[in-house]
Amino acid sequence: MGNKVKISFIIRTLNEDKYISNTINRIIKFGNVTNTIVEIVVVDSGSTDNTIKIIKDYISINSNIKLVNIDKSEWSWGRSINLGVKNSIGEYVVLISAHCFLRFSRPLLNVIELFDNKKISAVYGRQLPIDYMDPFEEFSLNINYTSSNIITSPKDILNGSATYISNAIAMYRSSDIINSPFDEEASSLEDFLWASKQALKGYSVAYVPEMSVYHSHQINVDTIYRREYYRCLESNRYLNQIVDDRKRKLIKKIVYKPYSIFYMIKNIILFYNSKIADKYKIKLATVIEYYKIIYHARVNSYYDSISRNDSNCNYWNGSDSNHLASGNLKVFCNSLLKDDKCELLPYD
């Protein structure tokens, strides 16, 4: 290996034939530009499109790419990551979503230096929105992933300040995941849950915006409710585990619904007065409809987490948003461009 650093990229796939080539090509370019030995481990959970064929074509010409399969019935975010890490050989692993595209090459090598601090357990990067995919997600990414470097202390993590750590793009020591695997039952927020458990041991997480990827999902009315529901369900499950104070739980039970109403109204106002609303010429009625769905997902997930005491729900059976959405939101979703321009995104 000489002076080169061995890094394993773990990619989780399910029917990603539209994007996976772009993701892999950028990782390969990273290795070439930085003269770094790169391994790519793809963990597939039952793709029925051309994803598997594409991966096997890469494997036939690159011995540092491997495919690992996991049955869809056994799949979870955490289990697929743990499986990928077990099948990797890098000292460091970079977790990256199959539809995330690297923006820059060299900052990834700089990130490794942060791990000289033994009390940093993970480094996550910036997510840059892709135009005309999901304006509401674009708004959220711009707020939550800024241009400033941040190191979040264990105390702040446990207070919720590291909520936005994301395995869309994140680097870890392989040994840390082997020794402290991801929660394999979590239906969402497996990254935040892992960081929180590490925080209990005194570990911090770092945010480095230069380690950036393009990451957006095509807006889809069916998935708005489900995605928010499971994120909040896992967040509440985590709080139920960490917070053993009955008084605090009772107070939260009382204030959660009015707080969620406040959260909905605040986001409606902020979004409607943002440049993004003007950019896409989004009507106020559409904005209200979107955040009303988010409100119902948050409230329902909270009370479900109380009644069940855990999150043993099937991720794929979450309620959809159609019964909450009128024509405004559906028409807007259908109006956005469907062309795949991801190949044209800049990469340095």
Protein backbone atom coordinates (compact mmCIF):
# COMPACT_ATOMS: atom_id res chain seq x y z
CA MET A 1 0.00 0.00 0.00
CA GLY A 2 2.96 2.38 0.44
CA ASN A 3 1.81 5.85 1.46
CA LYS A 4 -1.66 5.28 0.10
CA VAL A 5 -4.69 5.08 2.38
CA LYS A 6 -7.17 2.28 1.93
CA ILE A 7 -10.79 3.48 1.95
CA SER A 8 -13.88 1.34 1.46
CA PHE A 9 -17.04 2.93 0.10
CA ILE A 10 -20.21 1.14 1.20
CA ILE A 11 -23.18 1.69 -1.14
CA ARG A 12 -26.66 0.39 -0.34
CA THR A 13 -28.83 -0.31 -3.38
CA LEU A 14 -32.38 -1.23 -4.29
CA ASN A 15 -33.36 -0.59 -7.92
CA GLU A 16 -30.81 2.19 -8.48
CA ASP A 17 -29.95 1.53 -12.14
CA LYS A 18 -30.74 5.16 -13.03
CA TYR A 19 -28.02 6.57 -10.76
CA ILE A 20 -25.55 3.89 -9.66
CA SER A 21 -23.12 4.32 -12.57
CA ASN A 22 -22.72 8.03 -11.85
CA THR A 23 -22.12 7.30 -8.16
CA ILE A 24 -19.48 4.63 -8.85
CA ASN A 25 -17.76 6.63 -11.61
CA ARG A 26 -17.22 9.55 -9.25
CA ILE A 27 -15.78 7.27 -6.57
CA ILE A 28 -13.40 5.73 -9.10
CA LYS A 29 -12.39 9.23 -10.19
CA PHE A 30 -11.71 10.11 -6.56
CA GLY A 31 -9.28 7.19 -6.35
CA ASN A 32 -7.54 8.19 -9.58
CA VAL A 33 -7.29 11.91 -8.77
CA THR A 34 -5.96 11.36 -5.24
CA ASN A 35 -3.87 8.26 -6.07
CA THR A 36 -5.77 6.37 -3.37
CA ILE A 37 -6.56 2.68 -3.30
CA VAL A 38 -10.36 2.54 -3.20
CA GLU A 39 -12.63 -0.41 -2.53
CA ILE A 40 -16.35 -0.29 -3.36
CA VAL A 41 -18.75 -2.66 -1.60
CA VAL A 42 -22.30 -2.66 -2.92
CA VAL A 43 -24.93 -4.14 -0.60
CA ASP A 44 -28.05 -4.91 -2.65
CA SER A 45 -31.39 -5.81 -1.11
CA GLY A 46 -33.14 -7.45 -4.05
CA SER A 47 -33.02 -5.12 -7.04
CA THR A 48 -35.27 -6.17 -9.90
CA ASP A 49 -34.08 -3.60 -12.43
CA ASN A 50 -30.62 -3.50 -14.08
CA THR A 51 -28.71 -2.56 -10.92
CA ILE A 52 -27.16 -6.01 -10.45
CA LYS A 53 -26.09 -6.24 -14.10
CA ILE A 54 -24.46 -2.81 -13.92
CA ILE A 55 -22.55 -3.77 -10.75
CA LYS A 56 -21.38 -7.07 -12.26
CA ASP A 57 -20.16 -5.22 -15.37
CA TYR A 58 -18.01 -3.01 -13.12
CA ILE A 59 -16.75 -6.05 -11.19
CA SER A 60 -15.63 -7.68 -14.44
CA ILE A 61 -13.17 -4.82 -15.05
CA ASN A 62 -12.34 -3.73 -11.50
CA SER A 63 -11.27 -6.21 -8.84
CA ASN A 64 -11.76 -3.64 -6.06
CA ILE A 65 -15.54 -3.68 -6.49
CA LYS A 66 -17.62 -6.38 -4.87
CA LEU A 67 -21.33 -7.18 -4.54
CA VAL A 68 -22.96 -8.42 -1.33
CA ASN A 69 -26.60 -9.48 -1.27
CA ILE A 70 -29.09 -9.19 1.57
CA ASP A 71 -32.63 -10.54 1.40
CA LYS A 72 -35.24 -7.81 1.36
CA SER A 73 -37.03 -9.49 4.25
CA GLU A 74 -33.83 -9.16 6.32
CA TRP A 75 -33.03 -5.64 5.21
CA SER A 76 -32.69 -2.61 7.43
CA TRP A 77 -30.46 0.45 7.13
CA GLY A 78 -28.26 -0.72 9.99
CA ARG A 79 -28.05 -4.38 8.96
CA SER A 80 -27.03 -3.53 5.38
CA ILE A 81 -24.29 -1.18 6.64
CA ASN A 82 -22.96 -3.72 9.13
CA LEU A 83 -22.89 -6.37 6.41
CA GLY A 84 -21.04 -4.06 4.05
CA VAL A 85 -18.43 -3.17 6.66
CA LYS A 86 -17.88 -6.85 7.53
CA ASN A 87 -17.16 -7.49 3.86
CA SER A 88 -14.80 -4.53 3.46
CA ILE A 89 -11.05 -4.30 4.08
CA GLY A 90 -10.48 -0.55 4.39
CA GLU A 91 -9.21 1.10 7.55
CA TYR A 92 -11.88 3.73 6.97
CA VAL A 93 -15.33 3.35 5.46
CA VAL A 94 -17.32 5.99 3.64
CA LEU A 95 -21.05 5.34 3.68
CA ILE A 96 -22.72 6.84 0.64
CA SER A 97 -26.22 6.47 -0.77
CA ALA A 98 -26.53 4.99 -4.24
CA HIS A 99 -28.05 8.21 -5.57
CA CYS A 100 -25.43 10.51 -3.96
CA PHE A 101 -22.80 11.99 -6.23
CA LEU A 102 -19.43 13.24 -4.94
CA ARG A 103 -18.83 16.97 -5.54
CA PHE A 104 -15.11 17.18 -4.71
CA SER A 105 -12.28 14.63 -4.48
CA ARG A 106 -9.50 15.94 -2.25
CA PRO A 107 -11.48 16.95 0.88
CA LEU A 108 -12.13 13.26 1.57
CA LEU A 109 -8.42 12.73 2.24
CA ASN A 110 -8.34 15.76 4.53
CA VAL A 111 -11.20 14.28 6.55
CA ILE A 112 -9.07 11.29 7.50
CA GLU A 113 -6.77 13.60 9.45
CA LEU A 114 -9.67 14.41 11.80
CA PHE A 115 -9.59 10.83 13.02
CA ASP A 116 -6.19 11.54 14.59
CA ASN A 117 -8.44 12.88 17.34
CA LYS A 118 -9.43 9.59 18.97
CA LYS A 119 -12.56 11.18 20.43
CA ILE A 120 -14.14 11.82 17.02
CA SER A 121 -16.24 8.82 16.04
CA ALA A 122 -17.71 10.00 12.73
CA VAL A 123 -17.47 12.76 10.13
CA TYR A 124 -20.45 13.61 7.97
CA GLY A 125 -20.61 15.87 4.95
CA ARG A 126 -22.77 18.41 3.21
CA GLN A 127 -25.72 17.45 1.03
CA LEU A 128 -26.26 19.74 -1.94
CA PRO A 129 -29.75 19.74 -3.50
CA ILE A 130 -30.34 18.99 -7.15
CA ASP A 131 -32.58 21.49 -8.95
CA TYR A 132 -36.14 20.48 -9.84
CA MET A 133 -36.19 17.31 -7.75
CA ASP A 134 -37.87 18.35 -4.48
CA PRO A 135 -38.06 22.07 -3.54
CA PHE A 136 -39.10 21.25 0.04
CA GLU A 137 -36.11 18.97 0.49
CA GLU A 138 -33.94 21.63 -1.18
CA PHE A 139 -35.14 24.12 1.45
CA SER A 140 -34.39 21.70 4.28
CA LEU A 141 -30.91 20.79 3.00
CA ASN A 142 -29.94 24.44 2.64
CA ILE A 143 -30.91 25.11 6.27
CA ASN A 144 -29.44 21.98 7.87
CA TYR A 145 -26.19 21.64 5.91
CA THR A 146 -24.35 24.95 5.98
CA SER A 147 -20.86 26.02 4.87
CA SER A 148 -19.34 26.05 8.39
CA ASN A 149 -17.29 23.25 9.96
CA ILE A 150 -18.78 21.94 13.21
CA ILE A 151 -17.61 19.54 15.92
CA THR A 152 -20.54 18.44 18.08
CA SER A 153 -19.69 17.43 21.64
CA PRO A 154 -21.16 14.35 23.35
CA LYS A 155 -23.34 16.60 25.53
CA ASP A 156 -24.75 18.44 22.51
CA ILE A 157 -25.34 15.19 20.63
CA LEU A 158 -27.42 13.85 23.52
CA ASN A 159 -29.35 17.14 23.56
CA GLY A 160 -30.26 16.58 19.90
CA SER A 161 -27.74 18.90 18.21
CA ALA A 162 -26.41 16.16 15.90
CA THR A 163 -29.80 15.20 14.51
CA TYR A 164 -28.60 15.90 10.98
CA ILE A 165 -25.68 13.48 10.93
CA SER A 166 -26.42 11.47 7.82
CA ASN A 167 -25.12 8.32 6.19
CA ALA A 168 -25.92 9.86 2.84
CA ILE A 169 -22.22 10.74 3.09
CA ALA A 170 -20.26 9.93 6.24
CA MET A 171 -16.84 8.51 7.15
CA TYR A 172 -16.08 6.15 10.03
CA ARG A 173 -13.25 4.01 11.29
CA SER A 174 -14.09 0.46 10.21
CA SER A 175 -13.07 -0.85 13.62
CA ASP A 176 -15.56 1.43 15.38
CA ILE A 177 -18.48 -0.06 13.43
CA ILE A 178 -17.22 -3.61 13.95
CA ASN A 179 -17.00 -2.98 17.69
CA SER A 180 -20.22 -0.95 17.90
CA PRO A 181 -22.54 -2.04 15.04
CA PHE A 182 -25.45 0.02 13.80
CA ASP A 183 -28.90 -0.69 15.23
CA GLU A 184 -30.34 -3.36 12.93
CA GLU A 185 -33.96 -2.81 14.00
CA ALA A 186 -34.12 0.92 13.30
CA SER A 187 -36.44 1.88 10.45
CA SER A 188 -34.72 5.27 10.11
CA LEU A 189 -32.14 7.53 11.80
CA GLU A 190 -29.68 4.68 12.25
CA ASP A 191 -26.88 7.27 11.93
CA PHE A 192 -28.17 9.48 14.75
CA LEU A 193 -28.82 6.48 16.96
CA TRP A 194 -25.24 5.27 16.45
CA ALA A 195 -23.76 8.71 17.14
CA SER A 196 -25.88 9.02 20.30
CA LYS A 197 -24.70 5.69 21.67
CA GLN A 198 -21.11 6.72 20.95
CA ALA A 199 -21.75 10.03 22.69
CA LEU A 200 -22.66 8.11 25.83
CA LYS A 201 -19.06 6.81 25.68
CA GLY A 202 -17.68 10.33 25.30
CA TYR A 203 -17.29 10.56 21.50
CA SER A 204 -17.97 13.61 19.29
CA VAL A 205 -18.97 13.87 15.62
CA ALA A 206 -17.65 16.35 13.06
CA TYR A 207 -19.37 18.05 10.13
CA VAL A 208 -17.15 18.98 7.17
CA PRO A 209 -19.06 20.76 4.36
CA GLU A 210 -16.19 20.29 1.87
CA MET A 211 -16.98 16.55 1.96
CA SER A 212 -20.06 17.14 -0.12
CA VAL A 213 -22.44 15.21 -2.33
CA TYR A 214 -25.40 16.05 -4.50
CA HIS A 215 -28.40 14.34 -2.96
CA SER A 216 -32.08 14.79 -3.77
CA HIS A 217 -35.14 12.62 -4.19
CA GLN A 218 -37.78 13.20 -6.82
CA ILE A 219 -40.74 14.57 -4.89
CA ASN A 220 -43.48 11.97 -4.58
CA VAL A 221 -46.76 12.49 -2.74
CA ASP A 222 -46.84 8.82 -1.72
CA THR A 223 -43.59 9.01 0.25
CA ILE A 224 -43.84 12.40 2.02
CA TYR A 225 -45.82 11.04 4.97
CA ARG A 226 -43.96 7.74 5.23
CA ARG A 227 -40.48 9.26 5.29
CA GLU A 228 -41.29 11.80 8.00
CA TYR A 229 -43.29 9.24 10.01
CA TYR A 230 -40.39 6.82 10.36
CA ARG A 231 -37.81 9.49 11.05
CA CYS A 232 -39.89 10.77 13.95
CA LEU A 233 -40.75 7.26 15.12
CA GLU A 234 -37.06 6.41 15.51
CA SER A 235 -36.32 9.76 17.15
CA ASN A 236 -39.01 9.12 19.74
CA ARG A 237 -37.85 5.54 20.26
CA TYR A 238 -34.38 6.89 20.98
CA LEU A 239 -35.74 9.43 23.48
CA ASN A 240 -37.74 6.70 25.21
CA GLN A 241 -34.49 4.75 25.67
CA ILE A 242 -32.34 7.67 26.80
CA VAL A 243 -34.84 9.71 28.83
CA ASP A 244 -35.92 7.69 31.85
CA ASP A 245 -37.54 10.66 33.55
CA ARG A 246 -41.31 10.12 33.74
CA LYS A 247 -41.92 13.79 34.43
CA ARG A 248 -40.09 14.86 31.27
CA LYS A 249 -41.95 12.24 29.22
CA LEU A 250 -45.28 13.46 30.61
CA ILE A 251 -44.42 17.08 29.80
CA LYS A 252 -43.43 16.11 26.25
CA LYS A 253 -46.68 14.18 25.83
CA ILE A 254 -48.61 17.31 26.77
CA VAL A 255 -46.65 19.78 24.62
CA TYR A 256 -45.85 17.61 21.56
CA LYS A 257 -49.02 18.36 19.61
CA PRO A 258 -48.99 22.16 20.12
CA TYR A 259 -45.25 22.18 19.39
CA SER A 260 -45.88 20.31 16.12
CA ILE A 261 -48.52 22.90 15.18
CA PHE A 262 -45.99 25.65 15.87
CA TYR A 263 -43.36 23.75 13.82
CA MET A 264 -45.81 23.46 10.91
CA ILE A 265 -46.78 27.15 10.94
CA LYS A 266 -43.14 28.27 11.28
CA ASN A 267 -42.05 26.19 8.28
CA ILE A 268 -44.97 27.35 6.17
CA ILE A 269 -43.99 30.97 6.81
CA LEU A 270 -40.25 30.40 6.30
CA PHE A 271 -40.69 28.37 3.14
CA TYR A 272 -43.29 30.62 1.52
CA ASN A 273 -41.06 33.66 2.10
CA SER A 274 -37.91 31.91 0.85
CA LYS A 275 -36.18 32.27 -2.50
CA ILE A 276 -37.03 28.65 -3.25
CA ALA A 277 -40.79 29.32 -3.16
CA ASP A 278 -40.25 32.15 -5.62
CA LYS A 279 -37.87 30.08 -7.76
CA TYR A 280 -40.48 27.36 -8.28
CA LYS A 281 -43.50 29.69 -8.12
CA ILE A 282 -45.17 27.54 -5.46
CA LYS A 283 -48.63 28.57 -4.30
CA LEU A 284 -49.33 29.10 -0.61
CA ALA A 285 -52.04 26.40 -0.70
CA THR A 286 -49.43 23.88 -1.91
CA VAL A 287 -47.00 24.83 0.86
CA ILE A 288 -49.73 24.49 3.51
CA GLU A 289 -50.72 21.11 2.13
CA TYR A 290 -47.15 19.79 2.24
CA TYR A 291 -46.47 20.83 5.82
CA LYS A 292 -49.89 19.61 6.92
CA ILE A 293 -48.82 16.12 5.82
CA ILE A 294 -45.56 16.55 7.75
CA TYR A 295 -47.57 17.58 10.82
CA HIS A 296 -49.79 14.49 10.69
CA ALA A 297 -46.74 12.24 10.25
CA ARG A 298 -44.98 13.76 13.26
CA VAL A 299 -47.97 13.58 15.58
CA ASN A 300 -49.04 10.08 14.54
CA SER A 301 -45.50 8.71 14.87
CA TYR A 302 -45.17 10.20 18.35
CA TYR A 303 -48.34 8.67 19.73
CA ASP A 304 -47.63 5.37 17.98
CA SER A 305 -44.20 5.29 19.65
CA ILE A 306 -45.86 5.78 23.04
CA SER A 307 -48.46 3.06 22.53
CA ARG A 308 -45.97 0.53 21.13
CA ASN A 309 -42.90 1.47 23.15
CA ASP A 310 -40.75 0.53 20.17
CA SER A 311 -40.68 0.82 16.40
CA ASN A 312 -41.27 -2.73 15.28
CA CYS A 313 -43.13 -1.59 12.19
CA ASN A 314 -42.53 -2.65 8.62
CA TYR A 315 -40.82 0.28 6.88
CA TRP A 316 -42.59 -0.45 3.63
CA ASN A 317 -46.09 -0.41 5.11
CA GLY A 318 -46.14 3.23 6.20
CA SER A 319 -49.32 5.14 5.40
CA ASP A 320 -49.15 7.15 2.20
CA SER A 321 -50.03 10.82 1.78
CA ASN A 322 -52.72 10.56 -0.88
CA HIS A 323 -55.65 10.85 1.51
CA LEU A 324 -54.13 14.06 2.90
CA ALA A 325 -53.19 15.63 -0.42
CA SER A 326 -55.53 17.57 -2.67
CA GLY A 327 -54.93 18.50 -6.29
CA ASN A 328 -52.57 21.40 -5.50
CA LEU A 329 -49.68 19.29 -4.24
CA LYS A 330 -50.22 16.48 -6.75
CA VAL A 331 -50.28 18.88 -9.70
CA PHE A 332 -47.14 20.60 -8.46
CA CYS A 333 -45.26 17.30 -8.01
CA ASN A 334 -46.17 16.25 -11.53
CA SER A 335 -45.07 19.60 -12.95
CA LEU A 336 -41.41 19.23 -11.99
CA LEU A 337 -38.87 18.12 -14.56
CA LYS A 338 -38.32 14.36 -14.71
CA ASP A 339 -35.23 14.47 -16.91
CA ASP A 340 -32.09 12.90 -15.45
CA LYS A 341 -29.43 15.61 -15.49
CA CYS A 342 -27.29 14.09 -12.73
CA GLU A 343 -24.51 13.18 -15.14
CA LEU A 344 -24.01 16.90 -15.79
CA LEU A 345 -23.48 17.89 -12.15
CA PRO A 346 -20.01 19.44 -11.56
CA TYR A 347 -17.25 17.31 -10.05
CA ASP A 348 -13.76 18.55 -9.18
